[in-house]
Amino acid sequence: MNKSHLIRAVSEKTDISKIKAGFVIDAITDAVTQSLASGDDVKITGFGTFEVKTRAERPGRNPKTGEAMTIPAARVPAFRAGKGLKEAVR
């Protein structure tokens, strides 16, 4: 499912126009992004938790030259599925 499929599904389920459904999807993704950027988790009961994890600095190799290098530490977004989502997928 891509964004346009999601917009169509939300539009049909809520009986609103596709344009308004698009605004809703954009607002949700913006809110999640801003929350994660500020370091807060986003918990949606029954669905899951979006969080920011810290990946430690680690050794690696440049695939082009084979030269050893250090990959710097980074903050990365992560998602943990909730119980309801896990049960629905099983």
C-alpha atoms as a PDB file:
ATOM      1  CA  MET A   1       0.000   0.000   0.000  1.00  0.00           C
ATOM      2  CA  ASN A   2       1.379   3.394  -0.894  1.00  0.00           C
ATOM      3  CA  LYS A   3       0.274   6.867   0.177  1.00  0.00           C
ATOM      4  CA  SER A   4      -2.412   7.259  -2.506  1.00  0.00           C
ATOM      5  CA  HIS A   5      -3.898   3.860  -1.594  1.00  0.00           C
ATOM      6  CA  LEU A   6      -3.915   4.899   2.075  1.00  0.00           C
ATOM      7  CA  ILE A   7      -5.623   8.197   1.229  1.00  0.00           C
ATOM      8  CA  ARG A   8      -8.279   6.348  -0.773  1.00  0.00           C
ATOM      9  CA  ALA A   9      -8.872   3.868   2.089  1.00  0.00           C
ATOM     10  CA  VAL A  10      -9.212   6.659   4.673  1.00  0.00           C
ATOM     11  CA  SER A  11     -11.531   8.574   2.367  1.00  0.00           C
ATOM     12  CA  GLU A  12     -13.814   5.574   1.873  1.00  0.00           C
ATOM     13  CA  LYS A  13     -13.860   4.576   5.557  1.00  0.00           C
ATOM     14  CA  THR A  14     -14.560   8.046   6.899  1.00  0.00           C
ATOM     15  CA  ASP A  15     -16.758   9.299   4.051  1.00  0.00           C
ATOM     16  CA  ILE A  16     -14.630  12.419   3.477  1.00  0.00           C
ATOM     17  CA  SER A  17     -13.094  13.655   0.238  1.00  0.00           C
ATOM     18  CA  LYS A  18      -9.735  12.349  -0.935  1.00  0.00           C
ATOM     19  CA  ILE A  19      -8.299  15.860  -0.631  1.00  0.00           C
ATOM     20  CA  LYS A  20      -9.310  16.114   3.036  1.00  0.00           C
ATOM     21  CA  ALA A  21      -8.065  12.567   3.674  1.00  0.00           C
ATOM     22  CA  GLY A  22      -4.734  13.589   2.124  1.00  0.00           C
ATOM     23  CA  PHE A  23      -4.549  16.550   4.513  1.00  0.00           C
ATOM     24  CA  VAL A  24      -5.249  14.201   7.444  1.00  0.00           C
ATOM     25  CA  ILE A  25      -2.506  11.758   6.391  1.00  0.00           C
ATOM     26  CA  ASP A  26      -0.047  14.646   5.881  1.00  0.00           C
ATOM     27  CA  ALA A  27      -0.930  16.089   9.303  1.00  0.00           C
ATOM     28  CA  ILE A  28      -0.373  12.724  10.998  1.00  0.00           C
ATOM     29  CA  THR A  29       2.993  12.133   9.333  1.00  0.00           C
ATOM     30  CA  ASP A  30       4.103  15.709  10.118  1.00  0.00           C
ATOM     31  CA  ALA A  31       3.096  15.323  13.783  1.00  0.00           C
ATOM     32  CA  VAL A  32       4.942  11.997  14.101  1.00  0.00           C
ATOM     33  CA  THR A  33       8.029  13.437  12.374  1.00  0.00           C
ATOM     34  CA  GLN A  34       8.118  16.539  14.573  1.00  0.00           C
ATOM     35  CA  SER A  35       7.639  14.486  17.720  1.00  0.00           C
ATOM     36  CA  LEU A  36      10.457  12.091  16.829  1.00  0.00           C
ATOM     37  CA  ALA A  37      12.742  14.973  15.820  1.00  0.00           C
ATOM     38  CA  SER A  38      12.265  16.505  19.276  1.00  0.00           C
ATOM     39  CA  GLY A  39      13.101  13.170  20.936  1.00  0.00           C
ATOM     40  CA  ASP A  40       9.594  12.142  21.993  1.00  0.00           C
ATOM     41  CA  ASP A  41       8.027   8.737  21.337  1.00  0.00           C
ATOM     42  CA  VAL A  42       4.659   8.400  19.606  1.00  0.00           C
ATOM     43  CA  LYS A  43       2.479   5.660  21.104  1.00  0.00           C
ATOM     44  CA  ILE A  44      -0.713   4.567  19.352  1.00  0.00           C
ATOM     45  CA  THR A  45      -2.472   2.049  21.569  1.00  0.00           C
ATOM     46  CA  GLY A  46      -3.184  -1.206  19.765  1.00  0.00           C
ATOM     47  CA  PHE A  47      -1.024  -0.204  16.788  1.00  0.00           C
ATOM     48  CA  GLY A  48       2.517   0.451  17.974  1.00  0.00           C
ATOM     49  CA  THR A  49       5.208   2.859  19.070  1.00  0.00           C
ATOM     50  CA  PHE A  50       7.415   5.092  16.951  1.00  0.00           C
ATOM     51  CA  GLU A  51      10.664   5.942  18.734  1.00  0.00           C
ATOM     52  CA  VAL A  52      14.176   7.223  18.128  1.00  0.00           C
ATOM     53  CA  LYS A  53      17.030   4.830  18.796  1.00  0.00           C
ATOM     54  CA  THR A  54      20.718   5.627  18.951  1.00  0.00           C
ATOM     55  CA  ARG A  55      22.981   3.511  16.805  1.00  0.00           C
ATOM     56  CA  ALA A  56      26.520   3.326  18.239  1.00  0.00           C
ATOM     57  CA  GLU A  57      29.673   4.151  16.329  1.00  0.00           C
ATOM     58  CA  ARG A  58      31.035   1.011  14.660  1.00  0.00           C
ATOM     59  CA  PRO A  59      33.809  -0.158  12.351  1.00  0.00           C
ATOM     60  CA  GLY A  60      33.036  -0.693   8.686  1.00  0.00           C
ATOM     61  CA  ARG A  61      34.567  -0.841   5.222  1.00  0.00           C
ATOM     62  CA  ASN A  62      34.204   1.402   2.206  1.00  0.00           C
ATOM     63  CA  PRO A  63      32.602  -0.977  -0.329  1.00  0.00           C
ATOM     64  CA  LYS A  64      34.288   0.766  -3.265  1.00  0.00           C
ATOM     65  CA  THR A  65      37.880   0.775  -1.969  1.00  0.00           C
ATOM     66  CA  GLY A  66      37.781  -1.818   0.815  1.00  0.00           C
ATOM     67  CA  GLU A  67      39.385   0.738   3.128  1.00  0.00           C
ATOM     68  CA  ALA A  68      38.580   0.380   6.857  1.00  0.00           C
ATOM     69  CA  MET A  69      36.593   3.266   8.273  1.00  0.00           C
ATOM     70  CA  THR A  70      34.512   4.219  11.273  1.00  0.00           C
ATOM     71  CA  ILE A  71      30.772   4.604  10.753  1.00  0.00           C
ATOM     72  CA  PRO A  72      29.645   7.434  13.039  1.00  0.00           C
ATOM     73  CA  ALA A  73      26.925   7.125  15.670  1.00  0.00           C
ATOM     74  CA  ALA A  74      23.448   8.088  14.483  1.00  0.00           C
ATOM     75  CA  ARG A  75      19.900   8.600  15.689  1.00  0.00           C
ATOM     76  CA  VAL A  76      17.434   6.494  13.677  1.00  0.00           C
ATOM     77  CA  PRO A  77      13.640   6.161  13.733  1.00  0.00           C
ATOM     78  CA  ALA A  78      12.237   2.776  14.787  1.00  0.00           C
ATOM     79  CA  PHE A  79       8.797   1.201  15.045  1.00  0.00           C
ATOM     80  CA  ARG A  80       7.655  -1.441  17.527  1.00  0.00           C
ATOM     81  CA  ALA A  81       4.374  -3.140  16.655  1.00  0.00           C
ATOM     82  CA  GLY A  82       1.697  -3.237  19.350  1.00  0.00           C
ATOM     83  CA  LYS A  83      -0.240  -6.267  20.484  1.00  0.00           C
ATOM     84  CA  GLY A  84      -3.291  -5.505  18.339  1.00  0.00           C
ATOM     85  CA  LEU A  85      -1.225  -5.131  15.162  1.00  0.00           C
ATOM     86  CA  LYS A  86       0.765  -8.296  15.884  1.00  0.00           C
ATOM     87  CA  GLU A  87      -2.413 -10.316  16.423  1.00  0.00           C
ATOM     88  CA  ALA A  88      -4.026  -8.936  13.251  1.00  0.00           C
ATOM     89  CA  VAL A  89      -1.013  -9.932  11.154  1.00  0.00           C
ATOM     90  CA  ARG A  90      -0.811 -13.447  12.578  1.00  0.00           C
END
